[in-house]
Amino acid sequence: MPVRIEEFETGDLPNGPSVPEQVLTYLYANRDKAFTRSEVATGIDEDPNTVGTALSRLKQRDLVRHKGGYWAITEDLERMKDAYELHATTERLDEEDEGIDPEEWDAVAPDEPHPSERDG
């Protein structure tokens, strides 16, 4: 959705749910169906290319399924619930302390993946 240039210049931009959040909400609300990228974009009133990027990233996180040209919510609703809780906690923490400085995080983050992220 376009914004007026005055809003852009002042930084007073709309603050609604992100496209990935909208996609997950839409697919969850319609979990008995699968949709094309264009149908999802129409359903949430967003650009199809932006929705396509969101769908691809959500698929990498196993939050949506993809077959042919169709997309659906994951069958693992517990995984989706966990992802939502992590997202909500992260947003709350960001509001409390202005978020994580990526350079500071890189300086102290472990080089090896967490044991739960390792194969086998």
N, C-alpha and C. Protein backbone atom coordinates (compact mmCIF):
# COMPACT_ATOMS: atom_id res chain seq x y z
N MET A 1 0.84 -1.16 0.00
CA MET A 1 0.00 0.00 0.00
C MET A 1 0.89 1.24 0.00
N PRO A 2 0.71 2.12 -0.93
CA PRO A 2 1.53 3.34 -0.98
C PRO A 2 1.21 4.27 0.19
N VAL A 3 2.20 5.08 0.55
CA VAL A 3 1.99 6.10 1.59
C VAL A 3 2.28 7.46 0.99
N ARG A 4 1.68 8.48 1.58
CA ARG A 4 1.94 9.85 1.12
C ARG A 4 3.40 10.19 1.37
N ILE A 5 3.97 11.00 0.50
CA ILE A 5 5.38 11.36 0.61
C ILE A 5 5.66 12.06 1.94
N GLU A 6 4.69 12.80 2.46
CA GLU A 6 4.87 13.46 3.76
C GLU A 6 5.08 12.43 4.86
N GLU A 7 4.32 11.34 4.79
CA GLU A 7 4.48 10.26 5.78
C GLU A 7 5.85 9.60 5.62
N PHE A 8 6.25 9.40 4.38
CA PHE A 8 7.56 8.81 4.11
C PHE A 8 8.68 9.68 4.66
N GLU A 9 8.61 10.97 4.37
CA GLU A 9 9.66 11.90 4.78
C GLU A 9 9.77 12.03 6.30
N THR A 10 8.63 12.03 6.99
CA THR A 10 8.64 12.20 8.45
C THR A 10 8.87 10.89 9.19
N GLY A 11 8.81 9.79 8.49
CA GLY A 11 8.98 8.49 9.14
C GLY A 11 7.72 8.02 9.84
N ASP A 12 6.60 8.71 9.64
CA ASP A 12 5.33 8.35 10.26
C ASP A 12 4.64 7.32 9.36
N LEU A 13 5.22 6.11 9.32
CA LEU A 13 4.75 5.08 8.40
C LEU A 13 3.77 4.13 9.09
N PRO A 14 2.90 3.49 8.32
CA PRO A 14 1.97 2.52 8.90
C PRO A 14 2.74 1.44 9.66
N ASN A 15 2.16 0.99 10.76
CA ASN A 15 2.83 0.00 11.60
C ASN A 15 1.88 -1.17 11.81
N GLY A 16 1.70 -1.97 10.78
CA GLY A 16 0.82 -3.13 10.88
C GLY A 16 1.62 -4.41 10.84
N PRO A 17 0.92 -5.53 10.77
CA PRO A 17 1.62 -6.81 10.71
C PRO A 17 2.46 -6.92 9.43
N SER A 18 3.58 -7.60 9.53
CA SER A 18 4.45 -7.80 8.37
C SER A 18 3.76 -8.72 7.36
N VAL A 19 4.29 -8.75 6.15
CA VAL A 19 3.72 -9.62 5.11
C VAL A 19 3.80 -11.09 5.55
N PRO A 20 4.93 -11.58 6.08
CA PRO A 20 4.94 -12.98 6.54
C PRO A 20 3.88 -13.26 7.61
N GLU A 21 3.67 -12.31 8.53
CA GLU A 21 2.62 -12.49 9.54
C GLU A 21 1.25 -12.57 8.88
N GLN A 22 1.01 -11.70 7.91
CA GLN A 22 -0.28 -11.70 7.21
C GLN A 22 -0.48 -13.01 6.45
N VAL A 23 0.59 -13.49 5.80
CA VAL A 23 0.51 -14.76 5.05
C VAL A 23 0.15 -15.90 5.99
N LEU A 24 0.87 -16.01 7.11
CA LEU A 24 0.59 -17.10 8.05
C LEU A 24 -0.82 -17.01 8.61
N THR A 25 -1.25 -15.81 8.94
CA THR A 25 -2.60 -15.63 9.47
C THR A 25 -3.65 -16.06 8.44
N TYR A 26 -3.43 -15.65 7.20
CA TYR A 26 -4.37 -15.99 6.12
C TYR A 26 -4.41 -17.50 5.89
N LEU A 27 -3.24 -18.12 5.78
CA LEU A 27 -3.20 -19.55 5.53
C LEU A 27 -3.75 -20.35 6.71
N TYR A 28 -3.49 -19.88 7.93
CA TYR A 28 -4.03 -20.56 9.10
C TYR A 28 -5.55 -20.46 9.13
N ALA A 29 -6.06 -19.28 8.86
CA ALA A 29 -7.52 -19.08 8.87
C ALA A 29 -8.21 -19.92 7.79
N ASN A 30 -7.46 -20.27 6.76
CA ASN A 30 -7.99 -21.06 5.64
C ASN A 30 -7.22 -22.39 5.52
N ARG A 31 -6.93 -23.00 6.66
CA ARG A 31 -6.04 -24.18 6.68
C ARG A 31 -6.62 -25.42 6.00
N ASP A 32 -7.88 -25.37 5.60
CA ASP A 32 -8.47 -26.49 4.88
C ASP A 32 -8.30 -26.34 3.36
N LYS A 33 -7.51 -25.34 2.93
CA LYS A 33 -7.30 -25.08 1.50
C LYS A 33 -5.84 -24.78 1.22
N ALA A 34 -5.48 -24.88 -0.06
CA ALA A 34 -4.16 -24.44 -0.55
C ALA A 34 -4.41 -23.36 -1.60
N PHE A 35 -3.48 -22.42 -1.70
CA PHE A 35 -3.67 -21.25 -2.56
C PHE A 35 -2.45 -21.01 -3.43
N THR A 36 -2.67 -20.36 -4.57
CA THR A 36 -1.55 -19.88 -5.37
C THR A 36 -0.99 -18.63 -4.71
N ARG A 37 0.21 -18.26 -5.10
CA ARG A 37 0.82 -17.03 -4.59
C ARG A 37 -0.08 -15.84 -4.85
N SER A 38 -0.63 -15.76 -6.05
CA SER A 38 -1.51 -14.64 -6.41
C SER A 38 -2.77 -14.61 -5.56
N GLU A 39 -3.33 -15.78 -5.26
CA GLU A 39 -4.53 -15.83 -4.42
C GLU A 39 -4.22 -15.34 -3.00
N VAL A 40 -3.07 -15.73 -2.47
CA VAL A 40 -2.67 -15.26 -1.14
C VAL A 40 -2.49 -13.74 -1.19
N ALA A 41 -1.80 -13.25 -2.22
CA ALA A 41 -1.57 -11.81 -2.36
C ALA A 41 -2.90 -11.05 -2.41
N THR A 42 -3.84 -11.55 -3.18
CA THR A 42 -5.16 -10.91 -3.26
C THR A 42 -5.87 -10.98 -1.91
N GLY A 43 -5.76 -12.12 -1.24
CA GLY A 43 -6.42 -12.32 0.05
C GLY A 43 -5.94 -11.39 1.14
N ILE A 44 -4.66 -10.99 1.06
CA ILE A 44 -4.13 -10.08 2.10
C ILE A 44 -3.85 -8.69 1.54
N ASP A 45 -4.18 -8.47 0.29
CA ASP A 45 -4.02 -7.17 -0.38
C ASP A 45 -2.57 -6.69 -0.33
N GLU A 46 -1.67 -7.55 -0.79
CA GLU A 46 -0.24 -7.22 -0.87
C GLU A 46 0.28 -7.57 -2.25
N ASP A 47 1.45 -7.06 -2.58
CA ASP A 47 2.10 -7.32 -3.87
C ASP A 47 2.46 -8.80 -4.00
N PRO A 48 2.14 -9.45 -5.13
CA PRO A 48 2.45 -10.86 -5.31
C PRO A 48 3.94 -11.20 -5.18
N ASN A 49 4.83 -10.31 -5.63
CA ASN A 49 6.26 -10.58 -5.50
C ASN A 49 6.70 -10.57 -4.04
N THR A 50 6.16 -9.64 -3.26
CA THR A 50 6.46 -9.58 -1.84
C THR A 50 5.94 -10.83 -1.14
N VAL A 51 4.74 -11.25 -1.51
CA VAL A 51 4.15 -12.47 -0.94
C VAL A 51 4.98 -13.68 -1.33
N GLY A 52 5.46 -13.72 -2.57
CA GLY A 52 6.30 -14.84 -3.02
C GLY A 52 7.57 -14.96 -2.20
N THR A 53 8.20 -13.84 -1.92
CA THR A 53 9.41 -13.83 -1.09
C THR A 53 9.08 -14.34 0.31
N ALA A 54 7.98 -13.84 0.87
CA ALA A 54 7.58 -14.28 2.22
C ALA A 54 7.29 -15.78 2.24
N LEU A 55 6.58 -16.28 1.24
CA LEU A 55 6.27 -17.70 1.19
C LEU A 55 7.54 -18.55 1.12
N SER A 56 8.51 -18.13 0.31
CA SER A 56 9.77 -18.87 0.20
C SER A 56 10.50 -18.92 1.53
N ARG A 57 10.54 -17.80 2.23
CA ARG A 57 11.22 -17.75 3.52
C ARG A 57 10.47 -18.57 4.57
N LEU A 58 9.16 -18.53 4.53
CA LEU A 58 8.37 -19.32 5.47
C LEU A 58 8.54 -20.82 5.20
N LYS A 59 8.70 -21.17 3.93
CA LYS A 59 8.93 -22.59 3.57
C LYS A 59 10.27 -23.05 4.11
N GLN A 60 11.30 -22.20 4.02
CA GLN A 60 12.61 -22.55 4.58
C GLN A 60 12.53 -22.83 6.07
N ARG A 61 11.58 -22.21 6.74
CA ARG A 61 11.40 -22.39 8.19
C ARG A 61 10.36 -23.47 8.50
N ASP A 62 9.92 -24.18 7.46
CA ASP A 62 8.92 -25.25 7.60
C ASP A 62 7.62 -24.77 8.22
N LEU A 63 7.22 -23.53 7.89
CA LEU A 63 5.96 -23.00 8.39
C LEU A 63 4.85 -23.05 7.35
N VAL A 64 5.22 -23.28 6.08
CA VAL A 64 4.24 -23.48 5.02
C VAL A 64 4.70 -24.65 4.16
N ARG A 65 3.74 -25.20 3.42
CA ARG A 65 4.02 -26.30 2.48
C ARG A 65 3.80 -25.80 1.06
N HIS A 66 4.50 -26.42 0.10
CA HIS A 66 4.41 -25.98 -1.29
C HIS A 66 4.38 -27.20 -2.19
N LYS A 67 3.38 -27.25 -3.07
CA LYS A 67 3.28 -28.30 -4.10
C LYS A 67 2.81 -27.64 -5.38
N GLY A 68 3.59 -27.83 -6.44
CA GLY A 68 3.23 -27.21 -7.71
C GLY A 68 3.16 -25.71 -7.52
N GLY A 69 2.06 -25.10 -7.86
CA GLY A 69 1.89 -23.67 -7.69
C GLY A 69 1.10 -23.30 -6.45
N TYR A 70 0.90 -24.28 -5.54
CA TYR A 70 0.03 -24.04 -4.39
C TYR A 70 0.79 -24.05 -3.07
N TRP A 71 0.25 -23.25 -2.13
CA TRP A 71 0.83 -23.08 -0.81
C TRP A 71 -0.23 -23.33 0.25
N ALA A 72 0.20 -23.93 1.37
CA ALA A 72 -0.71 -24.18 2.49
C ALA A 72 0.10 -24.05 3.79
N ILE A 73 -0.61 -23.89 4.87
CA ILE A 73 0.03 -23.80 6.18
C ILE A 73 0.66 -25.16 6.53
N THR A 74 1.67 -25.15 7.36
CA THR A 74 2.30 -26.39 7.79
C THR A 74 1.29 -27.30 8.49
N GLU A 75 1.54 -28.59 8.44
CA GLU A 75 0.72 -29.53 9.20
C GLU A 75 1.14 -29.54 10.67
N ASP A 76 2.36 -29.09 10.93
CA ASP A 76 2.91 -29.06 12.28
C ASP A 76 2.52 -27.75 12.97
N LEU A 77 1.29 -27.70 13.47
CA LEU A 77 0.79 -26.47 14.07
C LEU A 77 1.53 -26.14 15.37
N GLU A 78 2.12 -27.14 16.02
CA GLU A 78 2.92 -26.88 17.21
C GLU A 78 4.16 -26.07 16.84
N ARG A 79 4.77 -26.38 15.70
CA ARG A 79 5.92 -25.61 15.21
C ARG A 79 5.52 -24.16 14.95
N MET A 80 4.35 -23.98 14.34
CA MET A 80 3.89 -22.62 14.06
C MET A 80 3.64 -21.87 15.37
N LYS A 81 3.05 -22.54 16.35
CA LYS A 81 2.80 -21.91 17.66
C LYS A 81 4.12 -21.49 18.30
N ASP A 82 5.11 -22.37 18.24
CA ASP A 82 6.43 -22.04 18.80
C ASP A 82 7.07 -20.85 18.09
N ALA A 83 6.94 -20.81 16.75
CA ALA A 83 7.51 -19.70 15.98
C ALA A 83 6.81 -18.40 16.35
N TYR A 84 5.50 -18.45 16.53
CA TYR A 84 4.76 -17.25 16.90
C TYR A 84 5.20 -16.75 18.28
N GLU A 85 5.33 -17.67 19.24
CA GLU A 85 5.74 -17.28 20.58
C GLU A 85 7.14 -16.67 20.58
N LEU A 86 8.06 -17.23 19.80
CA LEU A 86 9.41 -16.67 19.68
C LEU A 86 9.34 -15.27 19.07
N HIS A 87 8.56 -15.12 18.03
CA HIS A 87 8.41 -13.82 17.37
C HIS A 87 7.84 -12.78 18.34
N ALA A 88 6.79 -13.15 19.07
CA ALA A 88 6.17 -12.22 20.02
C ALA A 88 7.14 -11.83 21.12
N THR A 89 7.91 -12.78 21.61
CA THR A 89 8.89 -12.50 22.66
C THR A 89 9.98 -11.58 22.13
N THR A 90 10.46 -11.83 20.93
CA THR A 90 11.49 -11.00 20.32
C THR A 90 10.99 -9.57 20.13
N GLU A 91 9.76 -9.42 19.65
CA GLU A 91 9.20 -8.07 19.48
C GLU A 91 9.11 -7.34 20.81
N ARG A 92 8.66 -8.04 21.85
CA ARG A 92 8.54 -7.42 23.17
C ARG A 92 9.90 -6.99 23.69
N LEU A 93 10.91 -7.86 23.53
CA LEU A 93 12.26 -7.51 23.98
C LEU A 93 12.83 -6.34 23.18
N ASP A 94 12.57 -6.32 21.87
CA ASP A 94 13.03 -5.20 21.04
C ASP A 94 12.43 -3.89 21.51
N GLU A 95 11.16 -3.91 21.87
CA GLU A 95 10.51 -2.69 22.36
C GLU A 95 11.11 -2.23 23.68
N GLU A 96 11.52 -3.19 24.51
CA GLU A 96 12.04 -2.85 25.84
C GLU A 96 13.46 -2.30 25.79
N ASP A 97 14.29 -2.82 24.86
CA ASP A 97 15.70 -2.39 24.86
C ASP A 97 16.23 -1.97 23.49
N GLU A 98 15.36 -1.58 22.58
CA GLU A 98 15.71 -1.14 21.24
C GLU A 98 16.37 -2.21 20.37
N GLY A 99 16.23 -3.46 20.72
CA GLY A 99 16.71 -4.54 19.86
C GLY A 99 18.16 -4.92 20.05
N ILE A 100 18.61 -5.82 19.21
CA ILE A 100 19.97 -6.36 19.28
C ILE A 100 20.82 -5.70 18.20
N ASP A 101 21.99 -5.22 18.60
CA ASP A 101 22.95 -4.65 17.66
C ASP A 101 23.63 -5.82 16.93
N PRO A 102 23.45 -5.96 15.60
CA PRO A 102 24.01 -7.10 14.87
C PRO A 102 25.52 -7.25 15.03
N GLU A 103 26.25 -6.14 15.05
CA GLU A 103 27.72 -6.23 15.20
C GLU A 103 28.09 -6.74 16.58
N GLU A 104 27.36 -6.27 17.58
CA GLU A 104 27.61 -6.73 18.95
C GLU A 104 27.28 -8.21 19.08
N TRP A 105 26.19 -8.63 18.46
CA TRP A 105 25.79 -10.03 18.50
C TRP A 105 26.83 -10.91 17.81
N ASP A 106 27.28 -10.51 16.63
CA ASP A 106 28.28 -11.29 15.90
C ASP A 106 29.56 -11.47 16.70
N ALA A 107 29.90 -10.49 17.51
CA ALA A 107 31.13 -10.56 18.30
C ALA A 107 31.05 -11.61 19.40
N VAL A 108 29.85 -11.93 19.88
CA VAL A 108 29.73 -12.87 21.00
C VAL A 108 28.97 -14.15 20.63
N ALA A 109 28.37 -14.22 19.46
CA ALA A 109 27.58 -15.39 19.08
C ALA A 109 28.48 -16.60 18.88
N PRO A 110 27.99 -17.78 19.28
CA PRO A 110 28.78 -19.00 19.08
C PRO A 110 28.92 -19.32 17.60
N ASP A 111 30.06 -19.92 17.23
CA ASP A 111 30.31 -20.27 15.83
C ASP A 111 29.58 -21.56 15.44
N GLU A 112 29.37 -22.45 16.40
CA GLU A 112 28.73 -23.73 16.10
C GLU A 112 27.23 -23.64 16.31
N PRO A 113 26.47 -24.42 15.52
CA PRO A 113 25.02 -24.42 15.71
C PRO A 113 24.65 -25.05 17.05
N HIS A 114 23.50 -24.67 17.55
CA HIS A 114 22.96 -25.27 18.75
C HIS A 114 22.76 -26.76 18.50
N PRO A 115 22.93 -27.64 19.51
CA PRO A 115 22.75 -29.09 19.31
C PRO A 115 21.41 -29.45 18.65
N SER A 116 20.35 -28.70 18.92
CA SER A 116 19.05 -29.00 18.33
C SER A 116 19.02 -28.71 16.83
N GLU A 117 19.99 -27.94 16.32
CA GLU A 117 20.03 -27.57 14.89
C GLU A 117 20.94 -28.48 14.08
N ARG A 118 21.64 -29.39 14.74
CA ARG A 118 22.57 -30.29 14.03
C ARG A 118 21.83 -31.47 13.44
N ASP A 119 22.32 -31.95 12.30
CA ASP A 119 21.74 -33.15 11.67
C ASP A 119 22.17 -34.38 12.44
N GLY A 120 21.24 -35.34 12.51
CA GLY A 120 21.55 -36.64 13.06
C GLY A 120 21.65 -36.70 14.47
